[in-house]
Every structure is written in structure tokens, then in C-alpha cells.
């Protein structure tokens, strides 16, 4: 079944472990872990140097990513976008975490992700 036709629970069962790994990889500034589930397009953008720069900047200002709460799932013909309310260890307030997941060759891959 196409990803966009799956239930919210099924989509979150796919998305949460991917996002957990992505966040753990950014906390550790571990490029291989962070990009494990990335599409080739994303892997071309997020080089080891880029990841290190971005993570050091975020960690200096916000600390580490802590809990997140689902806000919405947006279904598109060929992808699903998930938006969470994200919290950080050293910064009061709420941030937005988002991830776009595509299905490619039987795998679910991240084609966009950002925290702001």
C-alpha cells in the first residue's frame, strides 16, 4: 500500500524510528547514523562538514533535542510530510521539526528534514 494511503498509526510506526535515529545521529554528530535513511538527493546535500557545522550551531544555542509531539501528517501523492512540536534541552519554548518521507525501491527514505 502506498505510504500516503496508510493510517496515521502506520505512518508514525515508520516515521518515528527514522526520526529517532536522525536525531540521535545529529546529537552525536555522527554523519553515517544521521544520514542512514536519507534519499540520494539528501545525502548529496548533507555532507559530513555540513552536518558538523549545523549540529554544533544548534547544540550551542539550543542544547540537544528532547521530546517531540506530533502536530500533523500531510499526505501527498508520492510522499508524506510529518510535523512535530520539538523541545530542546537548553532553550525554552517550542520548535518545529519536520520530515518528508518517500518510498523508493521498497524503502522509506527521508527526502527533507529540518528543525526550526
N, C-alpha and C. Protein backbone atom coordinates (compact mmCIF):
# COMPACT_ATOMS: atom_id res chain seq x y z
N UNK A 1 0.84 -1.17 0.00
CA UNK A 1 0.00 0.00 0.00
C UNK A 1 0.89 1.24 0.00
N UNK A 2 0.50 2.23 -0.79
CA UNK A 2 1.26 3.48 -0.85
C UNK A 2 1.31 4.12 0.53
N UNK A 3 2.44 4.73 0.83
CA UNK A 3 2.63 5.37 2.12
C UNK A 3 1.52 6.38 2.43
N UNK A 4 1.15 7.17 1.45
CA UNK A 4 0.14 8.21 1.67
C UNK A 4 -1.25 7.65 1.94
N UNK A 5 -1.46 6.38 1.65
CA UNK A 5 -2.75 5.74 1.90
C UNK A 5 -2.80 4.98 3.23
N UNK A 6 -1.70 4.96 3.95
CA UNK A 6 -1.65 4.24 5.21
C UNK A 6 -2.26 5.08 6.33
N UNK A 7 -2.62 4.42 7.41
CA UNK A 7 -3.21 5.11 8.56
C UNK A 7 -2.16 5.97 9.25
N UNK A 8 -2.62 6.91 10.06
CA UNK A 8 -1.70 7.73 10.85
C UNK A 8 -0.79 6.85 11.70
N UNK A 9 -1.36 5.84 12.34
CA UNK A 9 -0.57 4.96 13.21
C UNK A 9 0.50 4.22 12.41
N UNK A 10 0.16 3.75 11.22
CA UNK A 10 1.14 3.05 10.40
C UNK A 10 2.25 4.00 9.93
N UNK A 11 1.86 5.21 9.55
CA UNK A 11 2.86 6.20 9.13
C UNK A 11 3.80 6.53 10.28
N UNK A 12 3.25 6.72 11.47
CA UNK A 12 4.09 7.05 12.61
C UNK A 12 4.98 5.88 13.02
N UNK A 13 4.52 4.66 12.81
CA UNK A 13 5.35 3.48 13.10
C UNK A 13 6.57 3.45 12.17
N UNK A 14 6.44 4.03 10.99
CA UNK A 14 7.57 4.15 10.06
C UNK A 14 8.40 5.37 10.40
N UNK A 15 7.75 6.51 10.60
CA UNK A 15 8.44 7.79 10.75
C UNK A 15 9.18 7.95 12.07
N UNK A 16 8.59 7.53 13.17
CA UNK A 16 9.23 7.75 14.48
C UNK A 16 10.60 7.10 14.60
N UNK A 17 10.77 5.82 14.23
CA UNK A 17 12.13 5.25 14.33
C UNK A 17 13.14 5.95 13.42
N UNK A 18 12.68 6.38 12.25
CA UNK A 18 13.58 7.11 11.35
C UNK A 18 13.99 8.43 11.98
N UNK A 19 13.02 9.17 12.53
CA UNK A 19 13.32 10.46 13.14
C UNK A 19 14.15 10.28 14.40
N UNK A 20 13.86 9.24 15.20
CA UNK A 20 14.67 8.96 16.40
C UNK A 20 16.13 8.76 16.02
N UNK A 21 16.39 7.98 14.98
CA UNK A 21 17.76 7.72 14.54
C UNK A 21 18.40 9.00 14.00
N UNK A 22 17.66 9.76 13.21
CA UNK A 22 18.17 11.00 12.65
C UNK A 22 18.58 11.95 13.77
N UNK A 23 17.72 12.09 14.78
CA UNK A 23 18.00 12.98 15.91
C UNK A 23 19.19 12.47 16.73
N UNK A 24 19.26 11.17 16.96
CA UNK A 24 20.40 10.61 17.71
C UNK A 24 21.70 10.84 16.94
N UNK A 25 21.65 10.70 15.63
CA UNK A 25 22.83 10.95 14.80
C UNK A 25 23.27 12.40 14.83
N UNK A 26 22.29 13.32 14.91
CA UNK A 26 22.67 14.73 14.99
C UNK A 26 23.22 15.07 16.37
N UNK A 27 22.66 14.47 17.41
CA UNK A 27 23.17 14.70 18.76
C UNK A 27 24.63 14.23 18.87
N UNK A 28 24.92 13.08 18.30
CA UNK A 28 26.28 12.53 18.34
C UNK A 28 27.17 13.13 17.25
N UNK A 29 26.58 13.92 16.39
CA UNK A 29 27.25 14.45 15.19
C UNK A 29 27.94 13.29 14.45
N UNK A 30 27.12 12.27 14.20
CA UNK A 30 27.55 11.05 13.53
C UNK A 30 26.90 11.03 12.15
N UNK A 31 27.66 11.37 11.14
CA UNK A 31 27.12 11.50 9.78
C UNK A 31 26.50 10.21 9.26
N UNK A 32 27.18 9.10 9.44
CA UNK A 32 26.66 7.82 8.93
C UNK A 32 25.31 7.49 9.56
N UNK A 33 25.20 7.69 10.86
CA UNK A 33 23.94 7.43 11.54
C UNK A 33 22.87 8.42 11.10
N UNK A 34 23.21 9.70 11.11
CA UNK A 34 22.24 10.75 10.79
C UNK A 34 21.65 10.56 9.39
N UNK A 35 22.46 10.17 8.43
CA UNK A 35 22.01 10.07 7.04
C UNK A 35 21.62 8.66 6.62
N UNK A 36 21.56 7.74 7.55
CA UNK A 36 21.29 6.33 7.23
C UNK A 36 20.06 6.14 6.36
N UNK A 37 19.00 6.88 6.63
CA UNK A 37 17.74 6.70 5.92
C UNK A 37 17.47 7.82 4.91
N UNK A 38 18.49 8.51 4.47
CA UNK A 38 18.32 9.63 3.55
C UNK A 38 18.25 9.15 2.11
N UNK A 39 17.49 9.88 1.30
CA UNK A 39 17.48 9.67 -0.14
C UNK A 39 18.83 10.13 -0.69
N UNK A 40 19.13 9.72 -1.91
CA UNK A 40 20.39 10.15 -2.52
C UNK A 40 20.44 11.66 -2.64
N UNK A 41 19.32 12.30 -2.91
CA UNK A 41 19.26 13.76 -3.01
C UNK A 41 19.70 14.39 -1.69
N UNK A 42 19.17 13.86 -0.58
CA UNK A 42 19.52 14.40 0.74
C UNK A 42 20.97 14.11 1.10
N UNK A 43 21.45 12.93 0.76
CA UNK A 43 22.85 12.59 1.06
C UNK A 43 23.81 13.53 0.34
N UNK A 44 23.43 13.99 -0.85
CA UNK A 44 24.27 14.93 -1.59
C UNK A 44 24.32 16.30 -0.91
N UNK A 45 23.27 16.65 -0.20
CA UNK A 45 23.19 17.95 0.47
C UNK A 45 23.89 17.93 1.82
N UNK A 46 23.64 16.87 2.60
CA UNK A 46 24.13 16.81 3.98
C UNK A 46 25.48 16.08 4.01
N UNK A 47 26.51 16.83 3.75
CA UNK A 47 27.87 16.29 3.80
C UNK A 47 28.31 16.20 5.27
N UNK A 48 29.35 15.46 5.56
CA UNK A 48 29.84 15.43 6.94
C UNK A 48 30.17 16.83 7.48
N UNK A 49 30.75 17.67 6.65
CA UNK A 49 31.10 19.02 7.09
C UNK A 49 29.85 19.86 7.37
N UNK A 50 28.86 19.72 6.51
CA UNK A 50 27.60 20.46 6.70
C UNK A 50 26.93 20.02 8.00
N UNK A 51 26.85 18.72 8.23
CA UNK A 51 26.22 18.21 9.44
C UNK A 51 26.95 18.73 10.68
N UNK A 52 28.26 18.68 10.67
CA UNK A 52 29.03 19.14 11.83
C UNK A 52 28.76 20.62 12.10
N UNK A 53 28.78 21.44 11.06
CA UNK A 53 28.54 22.86 11.22
C UNK A 53 27.15 23.13 11.80
N UNK A 54 26.13 22.53 11.21
CA UNK A 54 24.75 22.76 11.64
C UNK A 54 24.54 22.25 13.07
N UNK A 55 24.99 21.05 13.36
CA UNK A 55 24.77 20.48 14.70
C UNK A 55 25.50 21.26 15.77
N UNK A 56 26.73 21.67 15.52
CA UNK A 56 27.45 22.47 16.51
C UNK A 56 26.74 23.79 16.76
N UNK A 57 26.21 24.40 15.71
CA UNK A 57 25.47 25.66 15.85
C UNK A 57 24.21 25.45 16.69
N UNK A 58 23.41 24.45 16.34
CA UNK A 58 22.17 24.16 17.08
C UNK A 58 22.47 23.79 18.53
N UNK A 59 23.45 22.94 18.75
CA UNK A 59 23.74 22.49 20.11
C UNK A 59 24.24 23.64 20.98
N UNK A 60 24.98 24.56 20.41
CA UNK A 60 25.46 25.71 21.18
C UNK A 60 24.31 26.61 21.61
N UNK A 61 23.30 26.74 20.77
CA UNK A 61 22.17 27.62 21.06
C UNK A 61 21.04 26.91 21.81
N UNK A 62 20.72 25.71 21.38
CA UNK A 62 19.51 25.03 21.86
C UNK A 62 19.78 23.86 22.80
N UNK A 63 21.00 23.34 22.80
CA UNK A 63 21.28 22.11 23.52
C UNK A 63 20.93 20.93 22.64
N UNK A 64 20.36 19.91 23.24
CA UNK A 64 20.04 18.69 22.50
C UNK A 64 18.53 18.58 22.31
N UNK A 65 18.14 17.83 21.30
CA UNK A 65 16.73 17.58 21.07
C UNK A 65 16.21 16.65 22.16
N UNK A 66 15.07 17.00 22.71
CA UNK A 66 14.45 16.16 23.73
C UNK A 66 13.16 15.59 23.15
N UNK A 67 12.06 15.69 23.86
CA UNK A 67 10.83 15.08 23.37
C UNK A 67 10.23 15.88 22.22
N UNK A 68 9.35 15.20 21.50
CA UNK A 68 8.60 15.85 20.42
C UNK A 68 7.18 15.31 20.43
N UNK A 69 6.27 16.14 19.94
CA UNK A 69 4.85 15.78 19.91
C UNK A 69 4.34 15.95 18.48
N UNK A 70 3.62 14.96 18.00
CA UNK A 70 3.06 15.02 16.66
C UNK A 70 2.08 16.18 16.55
N UNK A 71 2.21 16.96 15.49
CA UNK A 71 1.28 18.05 15.20
C UNK A 71 0.38 17.65 14.04
N UNK A 72 0.98 17.17 12.94
CA UNK A 72 0.17 16.84 11.76
C UNK A 72 0.93 15.93 10.81
N UNK A 73 0.16 15.22 10.01
CA UNK A 73 0.69 14.41 8.92
C UNK A 73 0.03 14.95 7.65
N UNK A 74 0.85 15.26 6.67
CA UNK A 74 0.36 15.76 5.39
C UNK A 74 0.64 14.70 4.33
N UNK A 75 -0.40 14.27 3.66
CA UNK A 75 -0.26 13.24 2.63
C UNK A 75 -0.19 13.90 1.25
N UNK A 76 0.77 13.45 0.48
CA UNK A 76 0.94 13.91 -0.90
C UNK A 76 0.92 12.67 -1.79
N UNK A 77 0.78 12.83 -3.08
CA UNK A 77 0.73 11.64 -3.94
C UNK A 77 1.95 10.73 -3.82
N UNK A 78 3.14 11.31 -3.66
CA UNK A 78 4.35 10.48 -3.63
C UNK A 78 5.16 10.60 -2.34
N UNK A 79 4.61 11.27 -1.34
CA UNK A 79 5.35 11.44 -0.08
C UNK A 79 4.39 11.75 1.06
N UNK A 80 4.97 11.73 2.25
CA UNK A 80 4.24 12.11 3.46
C UNK A 80 5.13 13.09 4.21
N UNK A 81 4.56 14.18 4.67
CA UNK A 81 5.28 15.15 5.49
C UNK A 81 4.74 15.06 6.91
N UNK A 82 5.63 14.95 7.86
CA UNK A 82 5.25 14.85 9.27
C UNK A 82 5.81 16.08 9.98
N UNK A 83 4.98 16.70 10.81
CA UNK A 83 5.38 17.88 11.56
C UNK A 83 5.19 17.59 13.05
N UNK A 84 6.22 17.89 13.83
CA UNK A 84 6.18 17.71 15.27
C UNK A 84 6.45 19.03 15.97
N UNK A 85 5.98 19.15 17.19
CA UNK A 85 6.41 20.19 18.11
C UNK A 85 7.65 19.61 18.79
N UNK A 86 8.79 20.31 18.67
CA UNK A 86 10.06 19.80 19.17
C UNK A 86 10.53 20.64 20.36
N UNK A 87 11.06 19.97 21.36
CA UNK A 87 11.62 20.65 22.52
C UNK A 87 13.12 20.40 22.58
N UNK A 88 13.84 21.34 23.20
CA UNK A 88 15.30 21.26 23.29
C UNK A 88 15.73 21.43 24.74
N UNK A 89 16.90 20.89 25.06
CA UNK A 89 17.35 20.82 26.45
C UNK A 89 17.77 22.17 27.04
N UNK A 90 18.25 23.09 26.23
CA UNK A 90 18.78 24.35 26.78
C UNK A 90 18.02 25.58 26.31
N UNK A 91 16.88 25.38 25.70
CA UNK A 91 16.13 26.51 25.17
C UNK A 91 14.66 26.36 25.53
N UNK A 92 14.12 27.36 26.17
CA UNK A 92 12.69 27.34 26.47
C UNK A 92 11.91 27.53 25.18
N UNK A 93 10.71 27.06 25.18
CA UNK A 93 9.85 27.26 24.02
C UNK A 93 9.78 26.04 23.13
N UNK A 94 9.04 26.23 22.08
CA UNK A 94 8.74 25.14 21.16
C UNK A 94 9.37 25.43 19.80
N UNK A 95 9.85 24.37 19.18
CA UNK A 95 10.41 24.44 17.84
C UNK A 95 9.56 23.56 16.94
N UNK A 96 9.81 23.64 15.65
CA UNK A 96 9.12 22.80 14.67
C UNK A 96 10.14 21.82 14.10
N UNK A 97 9.80 20.55 14.12
CA UNK A 97 10.59 19.53 13.44
C UNK A 97 9.72 18.98 12.32
N UNK A 98 10.31 18.86 11.15
CA UNK A 98 9.54 18.30 10.03
C UNK A 98 10.41 17.34 9.24
N UNK A 99 9.73 16.37 8.63
CA UNK A 99 10.42 15.37 7.83
C UNK A 99 9.49 14.94 6.70
N UNK A 100 10.05 14.82 5.52
CA UNK A 100 9.31 14.31 4.36
C UNK A 100 9.86 12.93 4.06
N UNK A 101 8.96 11.95 4.00
CA UNK A 101 9.34 10.57 3.74
C UNK A 101 8.79 10.15 2.39
N UNK A 102 9.65 9.51 1.60
CA UNK A 102 9.25 8.95 0.32
C UNK A 102 9.46 7.44 0.35
N UNK A 103 8.82 6.75 -0.56
CA UNK A 103 9.06 5.32 -0.72
C UNK A 103 9.81 5.14 -2.03
N UNK A 104 10.96 4.46 -1.95
CA UNK A 104 11.80 4.29 -3.12
C UNK A 104 12.42 2.90 -3.09
N UNK A 105 12.15 2.12 -4.10
CA UNK A 105 12.68 0.75 -4.19
C UNK A 105 12.38 -0.06 -2.94
N UNK A 106 11.16 0.07 -2.43
CA UNK A 106 10.75 -0.70 -1.26
C UNK A 106 11.27 -0.19 0.07
N UNK A 107 11.93 0.96 0.07
CA UNK A 107 12.46 1.54 1.31
C UNK A 107 11.79 2.88 1.57
N UNK A 108 11.67 3.22 2.85
CA UNK A 108 11.18 4.53 3.24
C UNK A 108 12.40 5.39 3.52
N UNK A 109 12.49 6.52 2.81
CA UNK A 109 13.66 7.38 2.89
C UNK A 109 13.27 8.82 3.20
N UNK A 110 14.15 9.51 3.89
CA UNK A 110 13.95 10.92 4.21
C UNK A 110 14.39 11.73 3.00
N UNK A 111 13.47 12.57 2.48
CA UNK A 111 13.81 13.42 1.35
C UNK A 111 13.89 14.89 1.76
N UNK A 112 13.54 15.18 2.99
CA UNK A 112 13.72 16.53 3.55
C UNK A 112 13.54 16.42 5.06
N UNK A 113 14.31 17.19 5.80
CA UNK A 113 14.15 17.25 7.26
C UNK A 113 14.74 18.56 7.74
N UNK A 114 14.09 19.12 8.77
CA UNK A 114 14.57 20.39 9.31
C UNK A 114 13.97 20.60 10.69
N UNK A 115 14.72 21.31 11.52
CA UNK A 115 14.22 21.79 12.80
C UNK A 115 14.43 23.29 12.80
N UNK A 116 13.37 24.02 13.14
CA UNK A 116 13.49 25.48 13.19
C UNK A 116 12.57 26.05 14.25
